[in-house]
N, C-alpha and C. Protein backbone atom coordinates (compact mmCIF):
# COMPACT_ATOMS: atom_id res chain seq x y z
N MET A 1 39.43 -0.65 7.73
CA MET A 1 38.28 -1.11 8.50
C MET A 1 37.85 -0.17 9.56
N LEU A 2 38.80 0.43 10.23
CA LEU A 2 38.48 1.43 11.25
C LEU A 2 37.67 2.59 10.72
N GLY A 3 38.09 3.01 9.48
CA GLY A 3 37.29 4.11 8.84
C GLY A 3 35.89 3.70 8.51
N ILE A 4 35.73 2.54 8.05
CA ILE A 4 34.39 2.05 7.74
C ILE A 4 33.50 1.94 9.00
N LEU A 5 34.14 1.38 10.11
CA LEU A 5 33.37 1.31 11.40
C LEU A 5 33.03 2.70 11.85
N SER A 6 33.94 3.67 11.79
CA SER A 6 33.62 5.02 12.23
C SER A 6 32.57 5.66 11.36
N ALA A 7 32.64 5.52 10.02
CA ALA A 7 31.65 6.11 9.15
C ALA A 7 30.26 5.37 9.33
N GLY A 8 30.31 4.14 9.68
CA GLY A 8 29.04 3.43 9.92
C GLY A 8 28.35 3.78 11.21
N ILE A 9 29.06 3.99 12.19
CA ILE A 9 28.60 4.27 13.54
C ILE A 9 28.21 5.70 13.77
N ALA A 10 29.01 6.63 13.22
CA ALA A 10 28.92 8.02 13.59
C ALA A 10 27.52 8.64 13.29
N PRO A 11 26.88 8.33 12.21
CA PRO A 11 25.62 9.00 11.97
C PRO A 11 24.51 8.54 13.01
N GLY A 12 24.52 7.36 13.36
CA GLY A 12 23.58 6.85 14.32
C GLY A 12 23.78 7.54 15.78
N ILE A 13 25.08 7.64 16.17
CA ILE A 13 25.38 8.20 17.41
C ILE A 13 25.02 9.68 17.39
N ALA A 14 25.35 10.35 16.27
CA ALA A 14 25.00 11.78 16.12
C ALA A 14 23.50 12.03 16.24
N LEU A 15 22.75 11.30 15.57
CA LEU A 15 21.29 11.50 15.53
C LEU A 15 20.72 11.13 16.93
N LEU A 16 21.16 10.05 17.51
CA LEU A 16 20.68 9.71 18.87
C LEU A 16 21.01 10.84 19.91
N SER A 17 22.22 11.36 19.77
CA SER A 17 22.59 12.50 20.66
C SER A 17 21.67 13.69 20.45
N TYR A 18 21.28 13.97 19.23
CA TYR A 18 20.47 15.10 18.84
C TYR A 18 19.13 14.92 19.59
N PHE A 19 18.46 13.78 19.39
CA PHE A 19 17.16 13.58 19.99
C PHE A 19 17.23 13.43 21.53
N TYR A 20 18.35 12.89 22.01
CA TYR A 20 18.49 12.80 23.47
C TYR A 20 18.54 14.20 24.07
N LEU A 21 19.28 15.06 23.43
CA LEU A 21 19.46 16.42 23.99
C LEU A 21 18.16 17.25 23.85
N LYS A 22 17.22 16.86 23.03
CA LYS A 22 15.97 17.56 22.94
C LYS A 22 15.12 17.33 24.16
N ASP A 23 15.42 16.35 24.95
CA ASP A 23 14.66 16.11 26.24
C ASP A 23 15.12 17.16 27.23
N GLU A 24 14.32 18.13 27.41
CA GLU A 24 14.81 19.38 28.22
C GLU A 24 14.22 19.30 29.68
N TYR A 25 13.44 18.36 30.04
CA TYR A 25 12.81 18.35 31.31
C TYR A 25 13.50 17.34 32.33
N GLU A 26 13.67 16.13 31.96
CA GLU A 26 14.23 15.14 32.79
C GLU A 26 14.95 14.12 31.94
N SER A 27 16.25 14.33 31.78
CA SER A 27 17.07 13.54 30.89
C SER A 27 17.04 12.04 31.32
N GLU A 28 17.04 11.20 30.40
CA GLU A 28 17.03 9.71 30.62
C GLU A 28 18.45 9.26 30.98
N PRO A 29 18.50 8.18 31.78
CA PRO A 29 19.85 7.64 32.09
C PRO A 29 20.46 7.14 30.83
N VAL A 30 21.75 7.53 30.59
CA VAL A 30 22.49 7.19 29.47
C VAL A 30 22.67 5.67 29.33
N SER A 31 22.74 5.02 30.54
CA SER A 31 22.96 3.53 30.45
C SER A 31 21.70 2.81 29.86
N PHE A 32 20.56 3.33 30.18
CA PHE A 32 19.29 2.66 29.67
C PHE A 32 19.05 3.07 28.21
N VAL A 33 19.43 4.29 27.84
CA VAL A 33 19.30 4.66 26.43
C VAL A 33 20.25 3.82 25.58
N LEU A 34 21.44 3.58 26.08
CA LEU A 34 22.47 2.79 25.36
C LEU A 34 22.01 1.31 25.34
N ARG A 35 21.31 0.86 26.40
CA ARG A 35 20.87 -0.49 26.36
C ARG A 35 19.76 -0.69 25.36
N THR A 36 18.89 0.29 25.22
CA THR A 36 17.83 0.24 24.19
C THR A 36 18.45 0.22 22.87
N PHE A 37 19.50 1.13 22.60
CA PHE A 37 20.23 1.11 21.37
C PHE A 37 20.82 -0.26 21.02
N LEU A 38 21.40 -0.89 22.09
CA LEU A 38 21.89 -2.30 21.89
C LEU A 38 20.81 -3.27 21.48
N TYR A 39 19.65 -3.15 22.16
CA TYR A 39 18.57 -4.03 21.78
C TYR A 39 18.21 -3.92 20.30
N GLY A 40 18.21 -2.66 19.78
CA GLY A 40 17.94 -2.44 18.40
C GLY A 40 18.99 -2.96 17.53
N ALA A 41 20.32 -2.91 17.98
CA ALA A 41 21.42 -3.39 17.16
C ALA A 41 21.33 -4.97 17.07
N LEU A 42 20.91 -5.60 18.17
CA LEU A 42 20.74 -7.02 18.15
C LEU A 42 19.65 -7.59 17.19
N LEU A 43 18.62 -6.68 17.00
CA LEU A 43 17.52 -7.08 16.13
C LEU A 43 17.93 -7.35 14.71
N VAL A 44 19.07 -6.82 14.29
CA VAL A 44 19.51 -7.02 12.90
C VAL A 44 19.62 -8.50 12.61
N PHE A 45 20.06 -9.26 13.53
CA PHE A 45 20.37 -10.70 13.21
C PHE A 45 19.14 -11.55 12.94
N PRO A 46 18.10 -11.51 13.89
CA PRO A 46 16.90 -12.25 13.58
C PRO A 46 16.18 -11.77 12.34
N ILE A 47 16.21 -10.44 12.11
CA ILE A 47 15.51 -9.86 11.02
C ILE A 47 16.17 -10.33 9.68
N MET A 48 17.52 -10.22 9.64
CA MET A 48 18.24 -10.70 8.46
C MET A 48 17.96 -12.16 8.16
N PHE A 49 17.89 -13.00 9.28
CA PHE A 49 17.65 -14.42 9.08
C PHE A 49 16.27 -14.61 8.46
N ILE A 50 15.25 -13.99 9.02
CA ILE A 50 13.85 -14.11 8.46
C ILE A 50 13.86 -13.69 7.05
N GLN A 51 14.41 -12.51 6.73
CA GLN A 51 14.36 -12.00 5.36
C GLN A 51 15.13 -12.95 4.42
N HIS A 52 16.19 -13.58 4.85
CA HIS A 52 16.95 -14.51 4.05
C HIS A 52 16.05 -15.76 3.73
N VAL A 53 15.39 -16.22 4.74
CA VAL A 53 14.52 -17.41 4.60
C VAL A 53 13.44 -17.05 3.58
N LEU A 54 12.79 -15.89 3.72
CA LEU A 54 11.66 -15.54 2.83
C LEU A 54 12.14 -15.42 1.42
N GLU A 55 13.38 -14.88 1.25
CA GLU A 55 13.94 -14.72 -0.15
C GLU A 55 14.35 -16.10 -0.68
N ALA A 56 14.97 -16.98 0.13
CA ALA A 56 15.40 -18.27 -0.35
C ALA A 56 14.21 -19.17 -0.68
N GLU A 57 13.13 -19.08 0.04
CA GLU A 57 11.92 -19.84 -0.24
C GLU A 57 11.06 -19.24 -1.39
N ASN A 58 11.53 -18.13 -1.89
CA ASN A 58 10.87 -17.40 -2.98
C ASN A 58 9.41 -16.97 -2.58
N LEU A 59 9.34 -16.55 -1.31
CA LEU A 59 7.97 -16.08 -0.84
C LEU A 59 7.64 -14.66 -1.17
N VAL A 60 8.67 -13.91 -1.54
CA VAL A 60 8.53 -12.44 -1.85
C VAL A 60 8.27 -12.40 -3.35
N LYS A 61 6.98 -12.26 -3.73
CA LYS A 61 6.64 -12.36 -5.10
C LYS A 61 6.59 -11.00 -5.81
N THR A 62 6.40 -9.91 -5.10
CA THR A 62 6.26 -8.60 -5.78
C THR A 62 7.05 -7.58 -5.04
N GLU A 63 7.40 -6.48 -5.69
CA GLU A 63 8.15 -5.38 -5.04
C GLU A 63 7.29 -4.73 -3.92
N PHE A 64 5.93 -4.78 -4.15
CA PHE A 64 5.05 -4.23 -3.06
C PHE A 64 5.17 -5.00 -1.80
N ILE A 65 5.18 -6.34 -1.91
CA ILE A 65 5.28 -7.22 -0.76
C ILE A 65 6.64 -6.99 -0.10
N ASP A 66 7.67 -6.91 -0.95
CA ASP A 66 9.08 -6.72 -0.45
C ASP A 66 9.12 -5.44 0.35
N ALA A 67 8.52 -4.33 -0.17
CA ALA A 67 8.67 -3.02 0.50
C ALA A 67 7.79 -2.90 1.75
N PHE A 68 6.54 -3.34 1.70
CA PHE A 68 5.62 -3.13 2.78
C PHE A 68 5.55 -4.24 3.83
N LEU A 69 5.96 -5.40 3.51
CA LEU A 69 5.87 -6.52 4.41
C LEU A 69 7.25 -7.02 4.90
N THR A 70 8.02 -7.56 3.94
CA THR A 70 9.28 -8.20 4.39
C THR A 70 10.34 -7.18 4.80
N SER A 71 10.25 -5.97 4.41
CA SER A 71 11.18 -4.96 4.91
C SER A 71 10.53 -4.06 6.02
N SER A 72 9.58 -3.31 5.67
CA SER A 72 9.02 -2.28 6.54
C SER A 72 8.30 -2.89 7.75
N LEU A 73 7.28 -3.71 7.51
CA LEU A 73 6.46 -4.19 8.59
C LEU A 73 7.30 -5.07 9.49
N LEU A 74 8.09 -5.99 8.95
CA LEU A 74 8.91 -6.88 9.71
C LEU A 74 9.90 -6.09 10.61
N GLU A 75 10.58 -5.14 10.03
CA GLU A 75 11.55 -4.38 10.84
C GLU A 75 10.89 -3.51 11.88
N GLU A 76 9.81 -2.83 11.56
CA GLU A 76 9.18 -1.96 12.44
C GLU A 76 8.46 -2.77 13.51
N PHE A 77 7.99 -3.95 13.25
CA PHE A 77 7.36 -4.75 14.32
C PHE A 77 8.41 -5.15 15.34
N PHE A 78 9.57 -5.53 14.92
CA PHE A 78 10.57 -5.97 15.92
C PHE A 78 10.99 -4.78 16.82
N LYS A 79 11.15 -3.63 16.19
CA LYS A 79 11.46 -2.46 16.93
C LYS A 79 10.37 -2.07 17.91
N TRP A 80 9.20 -2.13 17.36
CA TRP A 80 8.00 -1.81 18.19
C TRP A 80 7.88 -2.79 19.36
N PHE A 81 8.18 -4.04 19.11
CA PHE A 81 8.06 -5.10 20.16
C PHE A 81 9.01 -4.73 21.35
N ILE A 82 10.26 -4.36 21.03
CA ILE A 82 11.17 -4.01 22.08
C ILE A 82 10.66 -2.70 22.82
N LEU A 83 10.17 -1.75 22.06
CA LEU A 83 9.69 -0.49 22.65
C LEU A 83 8.56 -0.68 23.57
N PHE A 84 7.60 -1.52 23.09
CA PHE A 84 6.30 -1.68 23.82
C PHE A 84 6.46 -2.71 24.98
N TYR A 85 7.19 -3.75 24.78
CA TYR A 85 7.18 -4.84 25.82
C TYR A 85 8.39 -4.76 26.74
N ILE A 86 9.34 -3.96 26.48
CA ILE A 86 10.48 -3.84 27.36
C ILE A 86 10.61 -2.42 27.94
N VAL A 87 10.60 -1.44 26.98
CA VAL A 87 10.82 -0.02 27.48
C VAL A 87 9.57 0.56 28.07
N TYR A 88 8.40 0.32 27.49
CA TYR A 88 7.17 0.90 27.87
C TYR A 88 6.88 0.73 29.42
N GLN A 89 7.19 -0.39 29.95
CA GLN A 89 6.90 -0.69 31.34
C GLN A 89 8.01 -0.22 32.31
N HIS A 90 9.12 0.22 31.74
CA HIS A 90 10.26 0.54 32.60
C HIS A 90 10.06 1.88 33.39
N VAL A 91 10.58 1.85 34.64
CA VAL A 91 10.36 3.01 35.51
C VAL A 91 10.99 4.30 34.91
N GLU A 92 11.97 4.17 34.12
CA GLU A 92 12.58 5.37 33.47
C GLU A 92 11.75 6.09 32.49
N PHE A 93 10.80 5.34 31.91
CA PHE A 93 9.83 5.90 30.89
C PHE A 93 8.78 6.67 31.75
N ASP A 94 9.05 7.88 32.09
CA ASP A 94 8.20 8.58 33.01
C ASP A 94 7.66 9.97 32.54
N GLU A 95 7.78 10.22 31.18
CA GLU A 95 7.16 11.40 30.60
C GLU A 95 6.98 11.10 29.13
N PRO A 96 6.09 11.76 28.45
CA PRO A 96 5.82 11.50 27.03
C PRO A 96 6.96 11.62 26.07
N PHE A 97 7.81 12.56 26.32
CA PHE A 97 9.03 12.80 25.43
C PHE A 97 9.98 11.58 25.43
N ASP A 98 9.94 10.83 26.55
CA ASP A 98 10.81 9.65 26.62
C ASP A 98 10.55 8.68 25.49
N GLY A 99 9.38 8.63 24.96
CA GLY A 99 9.09 7.82 23.79
C GLY A 99 9.93 8.18 22.59
N ILE A 100 10.16 9.48 22.44
CA ILE A 100 10.99 9.96 21.32
C ILE A 100 12.44 9.45 21.56
N VAL A 101 12.99 9.61 22.78
CA VAL A 101 14.34 9.16 23.05
C VAL A 101 14.55 7.72 22.81
N TYR A 102 13.66 6.88 23.41
CA TYR A 102 13.76 5.41 23.29
C TYR A 102 13.38 4.94 21.97
N GLY A 103 12.48 5.51 21.31
CA GLY A 103 12.13 5.08 19.90
C GLY A 103 13.23 5.29 18.96
N SER A 104 13.85 6.51 19.08
CA SER A 104 15.04 6.75 18.21
C SER A 104 16.22 5.89 18.53
N ALA A 105 16.35 5.56 19.85
CA ALA A 105 17.42 4.68 20.25
C ALA A 105 17.34 3.28 19.69
N VAL A 106 16.14 2.65 19.80
CA VAL A 106 16.06 1.30 19.29
C VAL A 106 16.21 1.29 17.67
N SER A 107 15.58 2.35 17.06
CA SER A 107 15.71 2.38 15.58
C SER A 107 17.14 2.63 15.17
N LEU A 108 17.80 3.50 15.84
CA LEU A 108 19.21 3.80 15.45
C LEU A 108 20.15 2.69 15.78
N GLY A 109 19.90 1.98 16.77
CA GLY A 109 20.76 0.73 17.05
C GLY A 109 20.61 -0.19 15.87
N PHE A 110 19.41 -0.46 15.39
CA PHE A 110 19.24 -1.27 14.16
C PHE A 110 19.91 -0.70 12.98
N ALA A 111 19.65 0.54 12.74
CA ALA A 111 20.13 1.20 11.57
C ALA A 111 21.72 1.27 11.54
N THR A 112 22.31 1.41 12.72
CA THR A 112 23.71 1.52 12.82
C THR A 112 24.47 0.21 12.38
N VAL A 113 23.95 -0.89 12.93
CA VAL A 113 24.54 -2.20 12.56
C VAL A 113 24.29 -2.53 11.09
N GLU A 114 23.08 -2.19 10.66
CA GLU A 114 22.78 -2.42 9.21
C GLU A 114 23.70 -1.59 8.36
N ASN A 115 23.98 -0.39 8.80
CA ASN A 115 24.82 0.56 8.07
C ASN A 115 26.26 0.03 7.96
N VAL A 116 26.77 -0.45 9.05
CA VAL A 116 28.15 -0.97 9.06
C VAL A 116 28.26 -2.18 8.21
N PHE A 117 27.28 -3.09 8.21
CA PHE A 117 27.28 -4.22 7.34
C PHE A 117 27.34 -3.81 5.88
N TYR A 118 26.47 -2.78 5.56
CA TYR A 118 26.40 -2.38 4.12
C TYR A 118 27.75 -1.75 3.75
N LEU A 119 28.33 -0.90 4.56
CA LEU A 119 29.56 -0.23 4.19
C LEU A 119 30.71 -1.25 4.05
N VAL A 120 30.77 -2.30 4.91
CA VAL A 120 31.76 -3.32 4.84
C VAL A 120 31.60 -4.07 3.46
N ALA A 121 30.39 -4.27 3.09
CA ALA A 121 30.15 -5.00 1.83
C ALA A 121 30.35 -4.20 0.56
N ASN A 122 30.07 -2.86 0.66
CA ASN A 122 29.95 -2.06 -0.58
C ASN A 122 30.95 -0.89 -0.62
N GLY A 123 31.59 -0.57 0.52
CA GLY A 123 32.62 0.48 0.41
C GLY A 123 32.20 1.72 1.17
N ILE A 124 33.23 2.46 1.66
CA ILE A 124 33.04 3.61 2.47
C ILE A 124 32.46 4.83 1.62
N GLU A 125 32.58 4.75 0.31
CA GLU A 125 32.10 5.80 -0.56
C GLU A 125 30.63 5.94 -0.46
N HIS A 126 29.88 5.05 0.11
CA HIS A 126 28.49 5.16 0.22
C HIS A 126 28.07 5.72 1.61
N ALA A 127 29.02 6.07 2.37
CA ALA A 127 28.74 6.49 3.82
C ALA A 127 27.81 7.73 3.86
N MET A 128 28.10 8.72 2.98
CA MET A 128 27.21 10.00 3.05
C MET A 128 25.81 9.70 2.69
N THR A 129 25.60 8.99 1.58
CA THR A 129 24.27 8.65 1.11
C THR A 129 23.52 7.77 2.17
N ARG A 130 24.26 6.85 2.75
CA ARG A 130 23.62 6.06 3.81
C ARG A 130 23.16 6.86 5.02
N ALA A 131 24.09 7.79 5.38
CA ALA A 131 23.71 8.68 6.54
C ALA A 131 22.46 9.55 6.29
N LEU A 132 22.38 10.04 5.05
CA LEU A 132 21.30 10.92 4.67
C LEU A 132 19.99 10.22 4.48
N LEU A 133 20.03 8.96 4.02
CA LEU A 133 18.87 8.26 3.72
C LEU A 133 18.44 7.15 4.69
N PRO A 134 19.07 5.98 4.59
CA PRO A 134 18.61 4.87 5.52
C PRO A 134 18.71 5.23 7.00
N VAL A 135 19.86 5.78 7.50
CA VAL A 135 20.05 5.97 8.87
C VAL A 135 19.08 7.04 9.38
N SER A 136 18.97 8.17 8.62
CA SER A 136 18.08 9.23 9.02
C SER A 136 16.57 8.78 8.98
N SER A 137 16.20 8.03 7.96
CA SER A 137 14.86 7.58 7.92
C SER A 137 14.48 6.61 9.07
N HIS A 138 15.41 5.72 9.37
CA HIS A 138 15.17 4.85 10.56
C HIS A 138 15.01 5.69 11.90
N ALA A 139 15.83 6.74 12.01
CA ALA A 139 15.70 7.57 13.13
C ALA A 139 14.34 8.22 13.25
N LEU A 140 13.79 8.66 12.12
CA LEU A 140 12.56 9.34 12.13
C LEU A 140 11.38 8.40 12.27
N PHE A 141 11.53 7.14 11.72
CA PHE A 141 10.45 6.16 12.02
C PHE A 141 10.39 5.88 13.48
N GLY A 142 11.59 5.86 14.13
CA GLY A 142 11.60 5.61 15.64
C GLY A 142 11.05 6.75 16.39
N VAL A 143 11.29 8.00 15.89
CA VAL A 143 10.70 9.15 16.53
C VAL A 143 9.22 9.10 16.50
N ILE A 144 8.68 8.81 15.36
CA ILE A 144 7.22 8.71 15.17
C ILE A 144 6.62 7.59 15.99
N MET A 145 7.26 6.47 15.98
CA MET A 145 6.80 5.31 16.79
C MET A 145 6.87 5.71 18.26
N GLY A 146 7.90 6.30 18.70
CA GLY A 146 8.12 6.74 20.15
C GLY A 146 7.09 7.76 20.54
N TYR A 147 6.74 8.69 19.64
CA TYR A 147 5.78 9.70 19.94
C TYR A 147 4.43 9.05 20.37
N TYR A 148 3.95 8.13 19.55
CA TYR A 148 2.64 7.54 19.82
C TYR A 148 2.73 6.56 20.98
N ILE A 149 3.92 5.90 21.21
CA ILE A 149 4.05 5.11 22.44
C ILE A 149 3.92 5.96 23.64
N GLY A 150 4.66 7.13 23.60
CA GLY A 150 4.51 8.01 24.77
C GLY A 150 3.17 8.62 24.94
N LYS A 151 2.44 8.85 23.87
CA LYS A 151 1.06 9.37 23.95
C LYS A 151 0.18 8.27 24.56
N ALA A 152 0.40 7.06 24.13
CA ALA A 152 -0.41 5.96 24.70
C ALA A 152 -0.15 5.78 26.19
N LYS A 153 1.09 5.85 26.69
CA LYS A 153 1.36 5.63 28.06
C LYS A 153 0.76 6.70 28.94
N PHE A 154 0.78 7.95 28.44
CA PHE A 154 0.37 9.04 29.36
C PHE A 154 -1.01 9.69 28.97
N THR A 155 -1.81 8.92 28.25
CA THR A 155 -3.10 9.38 27.90
C THR A 155 -4.17 8.63 28.69
N GLU A 156 -5.02 9.32 29.28
CA GLU A 156 -6.13 8.65 30.07
C GLU A 156 -7.07 7.94 29.14
N GLY A 157 -7.68 6.87 29.63
CA GLY A 157 -8.69 6.16 28.86
C GLY A 157 -8.08 5.14 27.88
N SER A 158 -8.77 4.83 26.81
CA SER A 158 -8.29 3.79 25.91
C SER A 158 -6.97 4.18 25.20
N LYS A 159 -6.11 3.28 25.16
CA LYS A 159 -4.74 3.47 24.54
C LYS A 159 -4.59 2.81 23.27
N ALA A 160 -5.58 1.96 22.88
CA ALA A 160 -5.46 1.11 21.67
C ALA A 160 -5.20 1.88 20.39
N LYS A 161 -5.82 3.03 20.28
CA LYS A 161 -5.58 3.81 19.04
C LYS A 161 -4.17 4.28 18.91
N TRP A 162 -3.53 4.74 19.94
CA TRP A 162 -2.19 5.24 19.99
C TRP A 162 -1.18 4.08 19.80
N VAL A 163 -1.45 2.95 20.46
CA VAL A 163 -0.57 1.83 20.36
C VAL A 163 -0.56 1.31 18.87
N THR A 164 -1.76 1.26 18.30
CA THR A 164 -1.85 0.77 16.93
C THR A 164 -1.09 1.79 15.97
N LEU A 165 -1.35 3.06 16.19
CA LEU A 165 -0.62 4.04 15.32
C LEU A 165 0.93 3.93 15.51
N SER A 166 1.31 3.60 16.73
CA SER A 166 2.81 3.51 16.95
C SER A 166 3.48 2.48 16.10
N LEU A 167 2.72 1.43 15.73
CA LEU A 167 3.29 0.38 14.80
C LEU A 167 2.92 0.66 13.39
N MET A 168 1.69 0.99 13.12
CA MET A 168 1.25 1.00 11.72
C MET A 168 1.75 2.23 10.92
N LEU A 169 1.80 3.35 11.58
CA LEU A 169 2.27 4.54 10.83
C LEU A 169 3.73 4.54 10.47
N PRO A 170 4.64 4.15 11.33
CA PRO A 170 6.10 4.00 10.96
C PRO A 170 6.15 2.95 9.89
N ALA A 171 5.42 1.81 9.97
CA ALA A 171 5.56 0.74 9.05
C ALA A 171 5.03 1.23 7.63
N LEU A 172 4.05 2.07 7.59
CA LEU A 172 3.49 2.59 6.36
C LEU A 172 4.46 3.51 5.70
N LEU A 173 5.00 4.45 6.54
CA LEU A 173 6.00 5.36 5.94
C LEU A 173 7.28 4.64 5.52
N HIS A 174 7.70 3.64 6.29
CA HIS A 174 8.83 2.83 5.93
C HIS A 174 8.57 2.10 4.62
N GLY A 175 7.30 1.63 4.50
CA GLY A 175 6.97 0.91 3.22
C GLY A 175 7.05 1.82 1.98
N PHE A 176 6.59 3.00 2.14
CA PHE A 176 6.70 3.97 1.08
C PHE A 176 8.09 4.30 0.67
N TYR A 177 8.92 4.47 1.72
CA TYR A 177 10.37 4.74 1.49
C TYR A 177 10.96 3.62 0.70
N ASP A 178 10.77 2.34 1.18
CA ASP A 178 11.37 1.26 0.43
C ASP A 178 10.78 1.05 -0.96
N PHE A 179 9.50 1.31 -1.12
CA PHE A 179 8.93 1.12 -2.44
C PHE A 179 9.44 2.16 -3.41
N ILE A 180 9.76 3.36 -2.95
CA ILE A 180 10.32 4.39 -3.84
C ILE A 180 11.67 3.94 -4.30
N LEU A 181 12.48 3.34 -3.35
CA LEU A 181 13.87 2.91 -3.69
C LEU A 181 13.92 1.68 -4.61
N ILE A 182 13.06 0.75 -4.40
CA ILE A 182 13.18 -0.55 -5.17
C ILE A 182 12.36 -0.65 -6.36
N SER A 183 11.40 0.26 -6.55
CA SER A 183 10.47 0.11 -7.71
C SER A 183 10.39 1.25 -8.67
N LEU A 184 10.93 2.39 -8.34
CA LEU A 184 10.76 3.57 -9.18
C LEU A 184 12.12 3.86 -9.86
N GLU A 185 12.04 4.00 -11.16
CA GLU A 185 13.30 4.22 -11.97
C GLU A 185 13.99 5.57 -11.59
N ASN A 186 13.16 6.61 -11.46
CA ASN A 186 13.70 7.88 -11.08
C ASN A 186 13.43 8.18 -9.60
N TRP A 187 13.99 7.30 -8.79
CA TRP A 187 13.79 7.33 -7.33
C TRP A 187 14.34 8.54 -6.71
N LEU A 188 15.43 9.10 -7.32
CA LEU A 188 16.12 10.20 -6.70
C LEU A 188 15.20 11.46 -6.73
N ILE A 189 14.37 11.61 -7.73
CA ILE A 189 13.49 12.77 -7.86
C ILE A 189 12.45 12.76 -6.77
N ILE A 190 12.07 11.56 -6.27
CA ILE A 190 10.98 11.44 -5.31
C ILE A 190 11.54 11.29 -3.84
N ILE A 191 12.70 10.66 -3.70
CA ILE A 191 13.14 10.30 -2.33
C ILE A 191 13.46 11.53 -1.55
N PHE A 192 14.02 12.52 -2.15
CA PHE A 192 14.43 13.75 -1.35
C PHE A 192 13.22 14.56 -0.86
N PRO A 193 12.27 14.83 -1.77
CA PRO A 193 11.00 15.38 -1.16
C PRO A 193 10.36 14.56 -0.16
N PHE A 194 10.40 13.21 -0.25
CA PHE A 194 9.90 12.37 0.78
C PHE A 194 10.64 12.52 2.09
N MET A 195 11.98 12.61 2.00
CA MET A 195 12.76 12.81 3.20
C MET A 195 12.56 14.16 3.86
N ILE A 196 12.32 15.15 3.05
CA ILE A 196 12.03 16.48 3.60
C ILE A 196 10.69 16.45 4.41
N PHE A 197 9.72 15.73 3.83
CA PHE A 197 8.41 15.54 4.51
C PHE A 197 8.62 14.74 5.76
N LEU A 198 9.39 13.71 5.67
CA LEU A 198 9.65 12.91 6.86
C LEU A 198 10.36 13.62 7.97
N TRP A 199 11.28 14.48 7.70
CA TRP A 199 11.86 15.31 8.62
C TRP A 199 10.90 16.24 9.29
N TRP A 200 10.09 16.86 8.40
CA TRP A 200 9.11 17.84 8.91
C TRP A 200 8.10 17.16 9.84
N PHE A 201 7.65 15.99 9.38
CA PHE A 201 6.66 15.29 10.21
C PHE A 201 7.32 14.81 11.55
N GLY A 202 8.53 14.26 11.42
CA GLY A 202 9.16 13.78 12.66
C GLY A 202 9.41 14.91 13.66
N LEU A 203 9.94 16.07 13.19
CA LEU A 203 10.18 17.15 14.08
C LEU A 203 8.93 17.79 14.67
N ARG A 204 7.80 17.69 13.89
CA ARG A 204 6.53 18.13 14.48
C ARG A 204 6.14 17.17 15.69
N LYS A 205 6.45 15.92 15.52
CA LYS A 205 6.18 15.01 16.70
C LYS A 205 7.09 15.36 17.87
N VAL A 206 8.29 15.71 17.58
CA VAL A 206 9.21 16.12 18.66
C VAL A 206 8.65 17.32 19.36
N LYS A 207 8.18 18.32 18.64
CA LYS A 207 7.56 19.49 19.23
C LYS A 207 6.33 19.15 20.03
N LYS A 208 5.49 18.30 19.49
CA LYS A 208 4.24 17.89 20.21
C LYS A 208 4.56 17.19 21.49
N ALA A 209 5.59 16.30 21.41
CA ALA A 209 5.95 15.46 22.58
C ALA A 209 6.55 16.36 23.74
N LYS A 210 7.20 17.46 23.31
CA LYS A 210 7.64 18.47 24.33
C LYS A 210 6.47 19.11 25.00
N ILE A 211 5.44 19.44 24.26
CA ILE A 211 4.22 20.04 24.84
C ILE A 211 3.50 19.10 25.76
N LEU A 212 3.47 17.85 25.37
CA LEU A 212 2.86 16.78 26.25
C LEU A 212 3.62 16.63 27.54
N SER A 213 4.99 16.67 27.39
CA SER A 213 5.82 16.56 28.72
C SER A 213 5.67 17.79 29.51
N ALA A 214 5.53 18.93 28.90
CA ALA A 214 5.35 20.14 29.64
C ALA A 214 4.00 20.10 30.50
N LYS A 215 2.96 19.52 29.86
CA LYS A 215 1.70 19.35 30.51
C LYS A 215 1.89 18.33 31.66
N HIS A 216 2.57 17.32 31.40
CA HIS A 216 2.82 16.26 32.41
C HIS A 216 3.53 16.79 33.65
N PHE A 217 4.39 17.75 33.41
CA PHE A 217 5.16 18.36 34.58
C PHE A 217 4.52 19.72 35.06
N ASN A 218 3.37 19.98 34.44
CA ASN A 218 2.67 21.25 34.80
C ASN A 218 3.46 22.53 34.51
N ILE A 219 4.21 22.47 33.42
CA ILE A 219 4.99 23.66 32.93
C ILE A 219 4.06 24.42 31.95
N PRO A 220 3.97 25.74 32.08
CA PRO A 220 3.12 26.47 31.18
C PRO A 220 3.53 26.24 29.71
N ILE A 221 2.57 26.05 28.81
CA ILE A 221 2.78 25.79 27.44
C ILE A 221 3.56 26.95 26.74
N GLN A 222 3.24 28.14 27.12
CA GLN A 222 3.83 29.28 26.50
C GLN A 222 5.36 29.27 26.69
N LYS A 223 5.79 28.75 27.83
CA LYS A 223 7.18 28.70 28.11
C LYS A 223 7.86 27.66 27.25
N THR A 224 7.23 26.54 27.02
CA THR A 224 7.81 25.41 26.21
C THR A 224 8.13 25.89 24.77
N LEU A 225 7.29 26.79 24.25
CA LEU A 225 7.41 27.21 22.88
C LEU A 225 8.64 28.02 22.65
N HIS A 226 9.27 28.44 23.75
CA HIS A 226 10.48 29.25 23.60
C HIS A 226 11.73 28.42 23.94
N LEU A 227 11.59 27.18 24.36
CA LEU A 227 12.67 26.32 24.68
C LEU A 227 13.40 25.84 23.50
């Protein structure tokens, strides 16, 4: 059991540490990052309950609904709710890159508990695949969500566009991810190119968030490109 717990928790902690250390201007308090991670972890239980009810009542009629609504939109909405209604207003959220840190924290909290449950039920032999696919994808959905939340908070004028994108774009990408896994016979051929795209897209948001934070702190952009 200790091995399963370690294998289930390690990928989430490693990825969270990676994105946390990317914040090069004003590191966030570890206590609040871990609290956000815990919020994400606790989300597993209401989400599992709702998904169980939907399945028991036979309300999920198609694979498309399963992928884009009962899995992706439901999960991303709960994570977005925590990020927007709890973290967004917090005093520690004081630069654009913080959205990346807290977005990845809430997503990886959720992914870590989900991962532990899966490994307990199905065995530690799935640990590597789970780390490369579900845990990594959740981290990147959180990065993308956090980027747009950070952009919304520190952009002058109307914020509705960025707030909307912060929910809908991760939900859409999550939906495509789930749809590939549950509906395509040769999913392995498609999922790895999709994950490469997702990493490329997520890391672009990390780079852009660094530039936004540099502007926020009046650091020359040329300097940030070498950090």
